[in-house]
Amino acid sequence: MLRPENRDVRLAVISEGVGYWPLYAAQAQRLFERQGIAVEVTLTRSSTRQLEALARGDYDIGFQQSDHIVRAVERGSDLFAFMASGHEPRLSLMAAPSISSIEALRGGTLAVDGTRSGYALLLRRLLAAHGLRESDYTLAEFGGSRERFEALCGGRACASFLNPPFDERLAAAGFRSLGTIAQFFPDYPGPVAAARRAWARAHEPELIGFIRAFEAAFDWLHERSNREAAIAVLVQRIGADTAEAAAAYERFVARPRPQLVPQRLRPVIEAVWESEGFAAPPGAPEKYIDLSYFRKAAG
């Protein structure tokens, strides 16, 4: 029997989407329970609020972009990343039908999760590379993918980075893709799973069990005999239609399993230093990462 006082894990995620498929699979197949843990998932809809809550201990684990962890550590938090939680971002910069270029975003309102989030930093970089100053546009915080999708549909914003299936739905409605994160920033890593070091030391069995369940979910998804069940999970969780989910499955299994590689964090660290103007020299990737728990889970 689970002991709630020390076997529960409180997980925070920002939004729903294909990127959380391993989590959905782990829940549907009861993979966490097989590891002796109960995972309570909270949808926070804000990377900024989620990070603050994770740092103060309201959640045990959070799925976020790594720039948030770098920034939090530099501000005194004991957060660290312990594994990759998803593939490199497959986000499209979706724009209203009347907008055909990045330069045409001048004067527009661009929907972001948080104005200091990793993707907002990348968006600023991209716009600057195309001659737009920060005074030439407005970044507005709308929240997660679904909220940004609704902002574009409702005309409250003219563009946003969006993941499947929301980008595909906009494309079907006549919106334009101005390019993808992979095209603009090919070396930018995907999201990570992070926790507080103090919590991890006190709850190592739960953390290792969480990692093992998540890795087992990737195994389950990549097993072709589970294809139809995997598609059904995605349809149920995010409201994708069967054709969307089937196409997403083929793309998902064609990609290698995501890995947290310390050296790949360097572009993120550089972006954080560029945006924050920290006086101290940038830290090494190992300052923000501890892979020892992942290695123990694999051993």
C-alpha atoms as a PDB file:
ATOM      1  CA  MET A   1       0.000   0.000   0.000  1.00  0.00           C
ATOM      2  CA  LEU A   2       1.223   3.504  -0.801  1.00  0.00           C
ATOM      3  CA  ARG A   3       2.206   5.658   2.113  1.00  0.00           C
ATOM      4  CA  PRO A   4       0.944   9.160   1.246  1.00  0.00           C
ATOM      5  CA  GLU A   5       3.310  10.863   3.639  1.00  0.00           C
ATOM      6  CA  ASN A   6       6.367   9.942   1.601  1.00  0.00           C
ATOM      7  CA  ARG A   7       5.329   8.068  -1.534  1.00  0.00           C
ATOM      8  CA  ASP A   8       3.279  10.699  -3.339  1.00  0.00           C
ATOM      9  CA  VAL A   9       4.894  12.901  -5.989  1.00  0.00           C
ATOM     10  CA  ARG A  10       3.376  16.254  -6.902  1.00  0.00           C
ATOM     11  CA  LEU A  11       4.094  16.980 -10.568  1.00  0.00           C
ATOM     12  CA  ALA A  12       3.502  20.338 -12.254  1.00  0.00           C
ATOM     13  CA  VAL A  13       3.097  20.763 -16.014  1.00  0.00           C
ATOM     14  CA  ILE A  14       2.420  23.982 -17.871  1.00  0.00           C
ATOM     15  CA  SER A  15       0.044  22.884 -20.614  1.00  0.00           C
ATOM     16  CA  GLU A  16      -1.365  19.930 -22.506  1.00  0.00           C
ATOM     17  CA  GLY A  17       0.073  18.653 -25.774  1.00  0.00           C
ATOM     18  CA  VAL A  18       1.814  15.910 -27.702  1.00  0.00           C
ATOM     19  CA  GLY A  19       5.016  16.596 -25.779  1.00  0.00           C
ATOM     20  CA  TYR A  20       3.429  15.135 -22.645  1.00  0.00           C
ATOM     21  CA  TRP A  21       2.564  11.847 -24.325  1.00  0.00           C
ATOM     22  CA  PRO A  22       4.956   9.804 -22.121  1.00  0.00           C
ATOM     23  CA  LEU A  23       3.243  11.217 -19.042  1.00  0.00           C
ATOM     24  CA  TYR A  24      -0.188  10.334 -20.403  1.00  0.00           C
ATOM     25  CA  ALA A  25       1.045   6.830 -21.238  1.00  0.00           C
ATOM     26  CA  ALA A  26       2.586   6.361 -17.800  1.00  0.00           C
ATOM     27  CA  GLN A  27      -0.716   7.302 -16.182  1.00  0.00           C
ATOM     28  CA  ALA A  28      -2.850   5.197 -18.520  1.00  0.00           C
ATOM     29  CA  GLN A  29      -0.652   2.129 -18.057  1.00  0.00           C
ATOM     30  CA  ARG A  30      -0.274   2.696 -14.298  1.00  0.00           C
ATOM     31  CA  LEU A  31       3.508   2.720 -14.637  1.00  0.00           C
ATOM     32  CA  PHE A  32       3.967   5.030 -11.665  1.00  0.00           C
ATOM     33  CA  GLU A  33       1.963   2.687  -9.450  1.00  0.00           C
ATOM     34  CA  ARG A  34       4.200  -0.186 -10.541  1.00  0.00           C
ATOM     35  CA  GLN A  35       7.087   1.790  -9.096  1.00  0.00           C
ATOM     36  CA  GLY A  36       5.207   2.249  -5.831  1.00  0.00           C
ATOM     37  CA  ILE A  37       4.452   5.941  -6.221  1.00  0.00           C
ATOM     38  CA  ALA A  38       1.301   7.990  -6.766  1.00  0.00           C
ATOM     39  CA  VAL A  39       1.755  10.994  -9.043  1.00  0.00           C
ATOM     40  CA  GLU A  40      -0.599  13.939  -8.670  1.00  0.00           C
ATOM     41  CA  VAL A  41      -0.470  16.137 -11.783  1.00  0.00           C
ATOM     42  CA  THR A  42      -1.353  19.835 -11.697  1.00  0.00           C
ATOM     43  CA  LEU A  43      -1.836  21.854 -14.867  1.00  0.00           C
ATOM     44  CA  THR A  44      -0.420  25.281 -13.976  1.00  0.00           C
ATOM     45  CA  ARG A  45      -0.870  27.115 -17.325  1.00  0.00           C
ATOM     46  CA  SER A  46       2.023  29.466 -16.501  1.00  0.00           C
ATOM     47  CA  SER A  47       5.741  28.735 -16.559  1.00  0.00           C
ATOM     48  CA  THR A  48       6.441  31.706 -14.289  1.00  0.00           C
ATOM     49  CA  ARG A  49       3.954  30.724 -11.593  1.00  0.00           C
ATOM     50  CA  GLN A  50       4.957  27.081 -11.896  1.00  0.00           C
ATOM     51  CA  LEU A  51       8.632  27.866 -11.369  1.00  0.00           C
ATOM     52  CA  GLU A  52       7.891  29.998  -8.315  1.00  0.00           C
ATOM     53  CA  ALA A  53       5.708  27.259  -6.826  1.00  0.00           C
ATOM     54  CA  LEU A  54       8.259  24.549  -7.594  1.00  0.00           C
ATOM     55  CA  ALA A  55      11.059  26.550  -5.976  1.00  0.00           C
ATOM     56  CA  ARG A  56       9.104  27.104  -2.764  1.00  0.00           C
ATOM     57  CA  GLY A  57       8.069  23.448  -2.508  1.00  0.00           C
ATOM     58  CA  ASP A  58       4.439  23.493  -3.626  1.00  0.00           C
ATOM     59  CA  TYR A  59       5.378  20.837  -6.212  1.00  0.00           C
ATOM     60  CA  ASP A  60       8.045  18.150  -6.117  1.00  0.00           C
ATOM     61  CA  ILE A  61       8.809  17.903  -9.837  1.00  0.00           C
ATOM     62  CA  GLY A  62       8.139  20.299 -12.680  1.00  0.00           C
ATOM     63  CA  PHE A  63       8.425  19.989 -16.441  1.00  0.00           C
ATOM     64  CA  GLN A  64       9.879  23.269 -17.730  1.00  0.00           C
ATOM     65  CA  GLN A  65      12.305  24.684 -20.232  1.00  0.00           C
ATOM     66  CA  SER A  66      15.850  24.616 -18.925  1.00  0.00           C
ATOM     67  CA  ASP A  67      16.324  28.395 -19.019  1.00  0.00           C
ATOM     68  CA  HIS A  68      13.931  28.664 -16.069  1.00  0.00           C
ATOM     69  CA  ILE A  69      16.133  26.348 -14.029  1.00  0.00           C
ATOM     70  CA  VAL A  70      19.294  28.257 -14.932  1.00  0.00           C
ATOM     71  CA  ARG A  71      17.684  31.555 -13.968  1.00  0.00           C
ATOM     72  CA  ALA A  72      16.301  30.156 -10.703  1.00  0.00           C
ATOM     73  CA  VAL A  73      19.655  28.722  -9.642  1.00  0.00           C
ATOM     74  CA  GLU A  74      21.375  32.024 -10.308  1.00  0.00           C
ATOM     75  CA  ARG A  75      18.824  33.662  -8.030  1.00  0.00           C
ATOM     76  CA  GLY A  76      19.576  31.279  -5.177  1.00  0.00           C
ATOM     77  CA  SER A  77      17.225  28.328  -5.749  1.00  0.00           C
ATOM     78  CA  ASP A  78      18.371  24.737  -5.201  1.00  0.00           C
ATOM     79  CA  LEU A  79      16.506  23.504  -8.282  1.00  0.00           C
ATOM     80  CA  PHE A  80      18.248  21.172 -10.707  1.00  0.00           C
ATOM     81  CA  ALA A  81      17.362  19.273 -13.875  1.00  0.00           C
ATOM     82  CA  PHE A  82      17.588  15.483 -13.648  1.00  0.00           C
ATOM     83  CA  MET A  83      16.324  14.266 -17.026  1.00  0.00           C
ATOM     84  CA  ALA A  84      14.888  15.371 -20.346  1.00  0.00           C
ATOM     85  CA  SER A  85      11.100  15.355 -20.208  1.00  0.00           C
ATOM     86  CA  GLY A  86      10.510  15.724 -23.931  1.00  0.00           C
ATOM     87  CA  HIS A  87      11.979  16.043 -27.385  1.00  0.00           C
ATOM     88  CA  GLU A  88      13.523  19.193 -28.748  1.00  0.00           C
ATOM     89  CA  PRO A  89      10.681  21.637 -29.360  1.00  0.00           C
ATOM     90  CA  ARG A  90       8.592  21.106 -32.464  1.00  0.00           C
ATOM     91  CA  LEU A  91       6.946  24.492 -32.266  1.00  0.00           C
ATOM     92  CA  SER A  92       5.797  26.560 -35.206  1.00  0.00           C
ATOM     93  CA  LEU A  93       5.592  30.331 -35.203  1.00  0.00           C
ATOM     94  CA  MET A  94       1.952  30.578 -36.269  1.00  0.00           C
ATOM     95  CA  ALA A  95       0.647  33.903 -37.534  1.00  0.00           C
ATOM     96  CA  ALA A  96      -2.661  35.360 -38.657  1.00  0.00           C
ATOM     97  CA  PRO A  97      -3.584  34.706 -42.320  1.00  0.00           C
ATOM     98  CA  SER A  98      -2.717  38.287 -43.295  1.00  0.00           C
ATOM     99  CA  ILE A  99       0.879  37.985 -42.032  1.00  0.00           C
ATOM    100  CA  SER A 100       3.347  36.437 -44.457  1.00  0.00           C
ATOM    101  CA  SER A 101       6.723  37.313 -42.905  1.00  0.00           C
ATOM    102  CA  ILE A 102       8.399  37.888 -39.572  1.00  0.00           C
ATOM    103  CA  GLU A 103       8.920  41.542 -40.495  1.00  0.00           C
ATOM    104  CA  ALA A 104       5.143  41.875 -40.851  1.00  0.00           C
ATOM    105  CA  LEU A 105       4.770  41.214 -37.115  1.00  0.00           C
ATOM    106  CA  ARG A 106       5.761  44.828 -36.515  1.00  0.00           C
ATOM    107  CA  GLY A 107       3.062  46.542 -34.467  1.00  0.00           C
ATOM    108  CA  GLY A 108       1.433  43.274 -33.466  1.00  0.00           C
ATOM    109  CA  THR A 109       0.633  41.527 -30.187  1.00  0.00           C
ATOM    110  CA  LEU A 110       2.470  38.232 -29.826  1.00  0.00           C
ATOM    111  CA  ALA A 111       1.143  35.610 -27.430  1.00  0.00           C
ATOM    112  CA  VAL A 112       3.624  34.020 -25.022  1.00  0.00           C
ATOM    113  CA  ASP A 113       3.424  31.842 -21.943  1.00  0.00           C
ATOM    114  CA  GLY A 114       5.538  34.261 -19.906  1.00  0.00           C
ATOM    115  CA  THR A 115       7.491  37.285 -21.053  1.00  0.00           C
ATOM    116  CA  ARG A 116      10.684  35.870 -19.481  1.00  0.00           C
ATOM    117  CA  SER A 117      10.143  32.275 -20.606  1.00  0.00           C
ATOM    118  CA  GLY A 118      12.634  30.480 -22.836  1.00  0.00           C
ATOM    119  CA  TYR A 119      10.481  30.689 -25.927  1.00  0.00           C
ATOM    120  CA  ALA A 120       9.868  34.384 -25.336  1.00  0.00           C
ATOM    121  CA  LEU A 121      13.646  34.864 -25.213  1.00  0.00           C
ATOM    122  CA  LEU A 122      14.005  33.007 -28.493  1.00  0.00           C
ATOM    123  CA  LEU A 123      11.171  35.013 -30.016  1.00  0.00           C
ATOM    124  CA  ARG A 124      12.906  38.268 -29.057  1.00  0.00           C
ATOM    125  CA  ARG A 125      16.129  37.003 -30.634  1.00  0.00           C
ATOM    126  CA  LEU A 126      14.321  36.020 -33.805  1.00  0.00           C
ATOM    127  CA  LEU A 127      12.532  39.344 -34.120  1.00  0.00           C
ATOM    128  CA  ALA A 128      15.755  41.258 -33.493  1.00  0.00           C
ATOM    129  CA  ALA A 129      17.463  39.268 -36.234  1.00  0.00           C
ATOM    130  CA  HIS A 130      14.749  40.510 -38.598  1.00  0.00           C
ATOM    131  CA  GLY A 131      15.165  44.140 -37.615  1.00  0.00           C
ATOM    132  CA  LEU A 132      12.401  44.482 -35.016  1.00  0.00           C
ATOM    133  CA  ARG A 133      13.123  46.293 -31.775  1.00  0.00           C
ATOM    134  CA  GLU A 134      11.246  45.469 -28.573  1.00  0.00           C
ATOM    135  CA  SER A 135       9.292  48.709 -29.002  1.00  0.00           C
ATOM    136  CA  ASP A 136       8.019  47.437 -32.368  1.00  0.00           C
ATOM    137  CA  TYR A 137       5.742  44.758 -30.893  1.00  0.00           C
ATOM    138  CA  THR A 138       3.985  43.691 -27.702  1.00  0.00           C
ATOM    139  CA  LEU A 139       4.545  40.405 -25.875  1.00  0.00           C
ATOM    140  CA  ALA A 140       1.379  39.448 -24.003  1.00  0.00           C
ATOM    141  CA  GLU A 141       1.144  36.617 -21.485  1.00  0.00           C
ATOM    142  CA  PHE A 142      -1.760  34.298 -22.258  1.00  0.00           C
ATOM    143  CA  GLY A 143      -0.561  31.061 -20.633  1.00  0.00           C
ATOM    144  CA  GLY A 144      -0.178  27.571 -22.064  1.00  0.00           C
ATOM    145  CA  SER A 145      -0.587  26.276 -25.592  1.00  0.00           C
ATOM    146  CA  ARG A 146      -4.367  26.070 -25.510  1.00  0.00           C
ATOM    147  CA  GLU A 147      -4.677  29.616 -24.168  1.00  0.00           C
ATOM    148  CA  ARG A 148      -2.319  30.978 -26.839  1.00  0.00           C
ATOM    149  CA  PHE A 149      -4.209  29.036 -29.502  1.00  0.00           C
ATOM    150  CA  GLU A 150      -7.463  30.598 -28.333  1.00  0.00           C
ATOM    151  CA  ALA A 151      -5.847  34.056 -28.321  1.00  0.00           C
ATOM    152  CA  LEU A 152      -4.936  33.685 -32.003  1.00  0.00           C
ATOM    153  CA  CYS A 153      -8.354  32.275 -32.894  1.00  0.00           C
ATOM    154  CA  GLY A 154     -10.036  35.172 -31.122  1.00  0.00           C
ATOM    155  CA  GLY A 155      -7.869  37.837 -32.726  1.00  0.00           C
ATOM    156  CA  ARG A 156      -6.351  38.943 -29.417  1.00  0.00           C
ATOM    157  CA  ALA A 157      -2.871  38.125 -30.716  1.00  0.00           C
ATOM    158  CA  CYS A 158      -1.448  37.854 -34.208  1.00  0.00           C
ATOM    159  CA  ALA A 159       1.266  35.241 -33.665  1.00  0.00           C
ATOM    160  CA  SER A 160       2.674  32.704 -31.227  1.00  0.00           C
ATOM    161  CA  PHE A 161       4.928  29.679 -31.014  1.00  0.00           C
ATOM    162  CA  LEU A 162       2.603  26.665 -30.825  1.00  0.00           C
ATOM    163  CA  ASN A 163       3.075  22.914 -30.615  1.00  0.00           C
ATOM    164  CA  PRO A 164       0.990  20.144 -32.215  1.00  0.00           C
ATOM    165  CA  PRO A 165      -1.917  19.751 -32.558  1.00  0.00           C
ATOM    166  CA  PHE A 166      -2.648  23.445 -32.071  1.00  0.00           C
ATOM    167  CA  ASP A 167      -0.348  24.600 -34.884  1.00  0.00           C
ATOM    168  CA  GLU A 168      -1.938  22.094 -37.245  1.00  0.00           C
ATOM    169  CA  ARG A 169      -5.440  23.258 -36.359  1.00  0.00           C
ATOM    170  CA  LEU A 170      -4.492  26.852 -37.046  1.00  0.00           C
ATOM    171  CA  ALA A 171      -2.929  25.889 -40.367  1.00  0.00           C
ATOM    172  CA  ALA A 172      -6.150  24.140 -41.350  1.00  0.00           C
ATOM    173  CA  ALA A 173      -8.013  27.368 -40.525  1.00  0.00           C
ATOM    174  CA  GLY A 174      -5.802  29.447 -42.823  1.00  0.00           C
ATOM    175  CA  PHE A 175      -3.156  30.668 -40.399  1.00  0.00           C
ATOM    176  CA  ARG A 176       0.443  30.732 -41.641  1.00  0.00           C
ATOM    177  CA  SER A 177       3.579  29.094 -40.266  1.00  0.00           C
ATOM    178  CA  LEU A 178       6.515  31.498 -40.424  1.00  0.00           C
ATOM    179  CA  GLY A 179       8.943  28.723 -39.485  1.00  0.00           C
ATOM    180  CA  THR A 180       9.794  26.431 -36.602  1.00  0.00           C
ATOM    181  CA  ILE A 181      12.026  26.506 -33.545  1.00  0.00           C
ATOM    182  CA  ALA A 182      14.076  23.708 -35.109  1.00  0.00           C
ATOM    183  CA  GLN A 183      14.702  25.861 -38.184  1.00  0.00           C
ATOM    184  CA  PHE A 184      15.467  29.057 -36.295  1.00  0.00           C
ATOM    185  CA  PHE A 185      17.405  27.530 -33.356  1.00  0.00           C
ATOM    186  CA  PRO A 186      18.489  23.979 -34.292  1.00  0.00           C
ATOM    187  CA  ASP A 187      20.670  23.492 -31.196  1.00  0.00           C
ATOM    188  CA  TYR A 188      18.081  24.538 -28.618  1.00  0.00           C
ATOM    189  CA  PRO A 189      17.275  21.632 -26.258  1.00  0.00           C
ATOM    190  CA  GLY A 190      13.879  20.361 -25.228  1.00  0.00           C
ATOM    191  CA  PRO A 191      12.169  20.621 -21.834  1.00  0.00           C
ATOM    192  CA  VAL A 192      13.556  19.090 -18.669  1.00  0.00           C
ATOM    193  CA  ALA A 193      12.243  17.568 -15.477  1.00  0.00           C
ATOM    194  CA  ALA A 194      13.434  19.508 -12.448  1.00  0.00           C
ATOM    195  CA  ALA A 195      13.233  19.182  -8.686  1.00  0.00           C
ATOM    196  CA  ARG A 196      14.694  20.758  -5.572  1.00  0.00           C
ATOM    197  CA  ARG A 197      17.948  19.179  -4.420  1.00  0.00           C
ATOM    198  CA  ALA A 198      16.679  19.011  -0.830  1.00  0.00           C
ATOM    199  CA  TRP A 199      13.553  17.128  -1.920  1.00  0.00           C
ATOM    200  CA  ALA A 200      15.563  14.764  -4.124  1.00  0.00           C
ATOM    201  CA  ARG A 201      17.935  13.864  -1.275  1.00  0.00           C
ATOM    202  CA  ALA A 202      15.026  13.176   1.068  1.00  0.00           C
ATOM    203  CA  HIS A 203      12.954  11.293  -1.529  1.00  0.00           C
ATOM    204  CA  GLU A 204      15.471   9.455  -3.677  1.00  0.00           C
ATOM    205  CA  PRO A 205      13.346   6.269  -4.025  1.00  0.00           C
ATOM    206  CA  GLU A 206      10.388   8.281  -5.299  1.00  0.00           C
ATOM    207  CA  LEU A 207      12.551  10.213  -7.744  1.00  0.00           C
ATOM    208  CA  ILE A 208      14.185   7.069  -9.093  1.00  0.00           C
ATOM    209  CA  GLY A 209      10.781   5.397  -9.374  1.00  0.00           C
ATOM    210  CA  PHE A 210       9.450   8.412 -11.257  1.00  0.00           C
ATOM    211  CA  ILE A 211      12.337   8.262 -13.730  1.00  0.00           C
ATOM    212  CA  ARG A 212      11.901   4.523 -14.263  1.00  0.00           C
ATOM    213  CA  ALA A 213       8.186   4.900 -14.913  1.00  0.00           C
ATOM    214  CA  PHE A 214       8.783   7.719 -17.371  1.00  0.00           C
ATOM    215  CA  GLU A 215      11.397   5.703 -19.238  1.00  0.00           C
ATOM    216  CA  ALA A 216       9.043   2.725 -19.307  1.00  0.00           C
ATOM    217  CA  ALA A 217       6.432   4.994 -20.884  1.00  0.00           C
ATOM    218  CA  PHE A 218       8.823   5.788 -23.718  1.00  0.00           C
ATOM    219  CA  ASP A 219       9.404   2.058 -24.179  1.00  0.00           C
ATOM    220  CA  TRP A 220       5.670   1.445 -24.284  1.00  0.00           C
ATOM    221  CA  LEU A 221       5.073   4.214 -26.821  1.00  0.00           C
ATOM    222  CA  HIS A 222       7.816   2.961 -29.120  1.00  0.00           C
ATOM    223  CA  GLU A 223       6.434  -0.572 -29.110  1.00  0.00           C
ATOM    224  CA  ARG A 224       4.473  -0.741 -32.359  1.00  0.00           C
ATOM    225  CA  SER A 225       1.972  -3.208 -30.943  1.00  0.00           C
ATOM    226  CA  ASN A 226       0.806  -0.389 -28.643  1.00  0.00           C
ATOM    227  CA  ARG A 227       0.163   2.056 -31.487  1.00  0.00           C
ATOM    228  CA  GLU A 228      -3.637   2.035 -31.354  1.00  0.00           C
ATOM    229  CA  ALA A 229      -3.712   2.232 -27.569  1.00  0.00           C
ATOM    230  CA  ALA A 230      -1.218   5.113 -27.635  1.00  0.00           C
ATOM    231  CA  ILE A 231      -3.328   6.997 -30.160  1.00  0.00           C
ATOM    232  CA  ALA A 232      -6.421   6.468 -28.013  1.00  0.00           C
ATOM    233  CA  VAL A 233      -4.577   7.913 -25.001  1.00  0.00           C
ATOM    234  CA  LEU A 234      -3.722  11.110 -26.889  1.00  0.00           C
ATOM    235  CA  VAL A 235      -7.227  11.473 -28.294  1.00  0.00           C
ATOM    236  CA  GLN A 236      -8.672  11.203 -24.812  1.00  0.00           C
ATOM    237  CA  ARG A 237      -6.189  13.520 -23.104  1.00  0.00           C
ATOM    238  CA  ILE A 238      -5.939  16.475 -25.472  1.00  0.00           C
ATOM    239  CA  GLY A 239      -8.974  16.104 -27.705  1.00  0.00           C
ATOM    240  CA  ALA A 240      -6.983  15.376 -30.849  1.00  0.00           C
ATOM    241  CA  ASP A 241      -8.887  13.608 -33.572  1.00  0.00           C
ATOM    242  CA  THR A 242      -7.727  10.147 -34.544  1.00  0.00           C
ATOM    243  CA  ALA A 243      -6.031  11.269 -37.765  1.00  0.00           C
ATOM    244  CA  GLU A 244      -4.073  13.981 -35.899  1.00  0.00           C
ATOM    245  CA  ALA A 245      -3.010  11.514 -33.241  1.00  0.00           C
ATOM    246  CA  ALA A 246      -1.996   8.871 -35.793  1.00  0.00           C
ATOM    247  CA  ALA A 247       0.211  11.356 -37.645  1.00  0.00           C
ATOM    248  CA  ALA A 248       1.675  12.567 -34.361  1.00  0.00           C
ATOM    249  CA  TYR A 249       2.470   8.996 -33.346  1.00  0.00           C
ATOM    250  CA  GLU A 250       4.514   8.388 -36.488  1.00  0.00           C
ATOM    251  CA  ARG A 251       6.496  11.560 -35.885  1.00  0.00           C
ATOM    252  CA  PHE A 252       6.978  10.727 -32.216  1.00  0.00           C
ATOM    253  CA  VAL A 253       8.356   7.222 -32.679  1.00  0.00           C
ATOM    254  CA  ALA A 254      10.608   8.343 -35.536  1.00  0.00           C
ATOM    255  CA  ARG A 255      12.573  10.557 -33.144  1.00  0.00           C
ATOM    256  CA  PRO A 256      15.229   9.206 -30.801  1.00  0.00           C
ATOM    257  CA  ARG A 257      14.490   9.237 -27.093  1.00  0.00           C
ATOM    258  CA  PRO A 258      15.333  12.663 -25.658  1.00  0.00           C
ATOM    259  CA  GLN A 259      18.439  12.921 -23.511  1.00  0.00           C
ATOM    260  CA  LEU A 260      19.679  15.585 -21.135  1.00  0.00           C
ATOM    261  CA  VAL A 261      23.159  16.392 -22.447  1.00  0.00           C
ATOM    262  CA  PRO A 262      25.059  18.946 -20.344  1.00  0.00           C
ATOM    263  CA  GLN A 263      26.898  20.527 -23.278  1.00  0.00           C
ATOM    264  CA  ARG A 264      23.613  21.204 -25.055  1.00  0.00           C
ATOM    265  CA  LEU A 265      22.678  23.511 -22.188  1.00  0.00           C
ATOM    266  CA  ARG A 266      25.322  26.067 -23.191  1.00  0.00           C
ATOM    267  CA  PRO A 267      23.095  27.946 -25.711  1.00  0.00           C
ATOM    268  CA  VAL A 268      20.451  28.200 -22.997  1.00  0.00           C
ATOM    269  CA  ILE A 269      22.920  29.587 -20.475  1.00  0.00           C
ATOM    270  CA  GLU A 270      24.115  32.139 -23.036  1.00  0.00           C
ATOM    271  CA  ALA A 271      20.537  33.214 -23.737  1.00  0.00           C
ATOM    272  CA  VAL A 272      19.813  33.675 -20.037  1.00  0.00           C
ATOM    273  CA  TRP A 273      22.959  35.757 -19.524  1.00  0.00           C
ATOM    274  CA  GLU A 274      22.067  37.844 -22.561  1.00  0.00           C
ATOM    275  CA  SER A 275      18.571  38.560 -21.268  1.00  0.00           C
ATOM    276  CA  GLU A 276      19.357  38.993 -17.574  1.00  0.00           C
ATOM    277  CA  GLY A 277      22.735  40.725 -17.747  1.00  0.00           C
ATOM    278  CA  PHE A 278      24.180  38.799 -14.806  1.00  0.00           C
ATOM    279  CA  ALA A 279      27.528  40.247 -13.659  1.00  0.00           C
ATOM    280  CA  ALA A 280      29.051  36.898 -12.688  1.00  0.00           C
ATOM    281  CA  PRO A 281      30.545  34.674 -15.385  1.00  0.00           C
ATOM    282  CA  PRO A 282      28.158  32.040 -16.773  1.00  0.00           C
ATOM    283  CA  GLY A 283      28.068  28.787 -14.855  1.00  0.00           C
ATOM    284  CA  ALA A 284      29.033  25.438 -16.326  1.00  0.00           C
ATOM    285  CA  PRO A 285      26.113  23.190 -17.354  1.00  0.00           C
ATOM    286  CA  GLU A 286      26.829  20.891 -14.407  1.00  0.00           C
ATOM    287  CA  LYS A 287      25.809  23.706 -12.056  1.00  0.00           C
ATOM    288  CA  TYR A 288      22.195  23.208 -13.128  1.00  0.00           C
ATOM    289  CA  ILE A 289      22.116  19.468 -13.823  1.00  0.00           C
ATOM    290  CA  ASP A 290      22.558  16.297 -11.771  1.00  0.00           C
ATOM    291  CA  LEU A 291      22.306  13.081 -13.763  1.00  0.00           C
ATOM    292  CA  SER A 292      23.214  10.779 -10.863  1.00  0.00           C
ATOM    293  CA  TYR A 293      19.560   9.917 -10.162  1.00  0.00           C
ATOM    294  CA  PHE A 294      18.973   9.070 -13.809  1.00  0.00           C
ATOM    295  CA  ARG A 295      22.017   6.797 -13.820  1.00  0.00           C
ATOM    296  CA  LYS A 296      20.802   5.071 -10.668  1.00  0.00           C
ATOM    297  CA  ALA A 297      17.385   4.554 -12.239  1.00  0.00           C
ATOM    298  CA  ALA A 298      19.010   2.969 -15.291  1.00  0.00           C
ATOM    299  CA  GLY A 299      21.346   0.777 -13.231  1.00  0.00           C
END
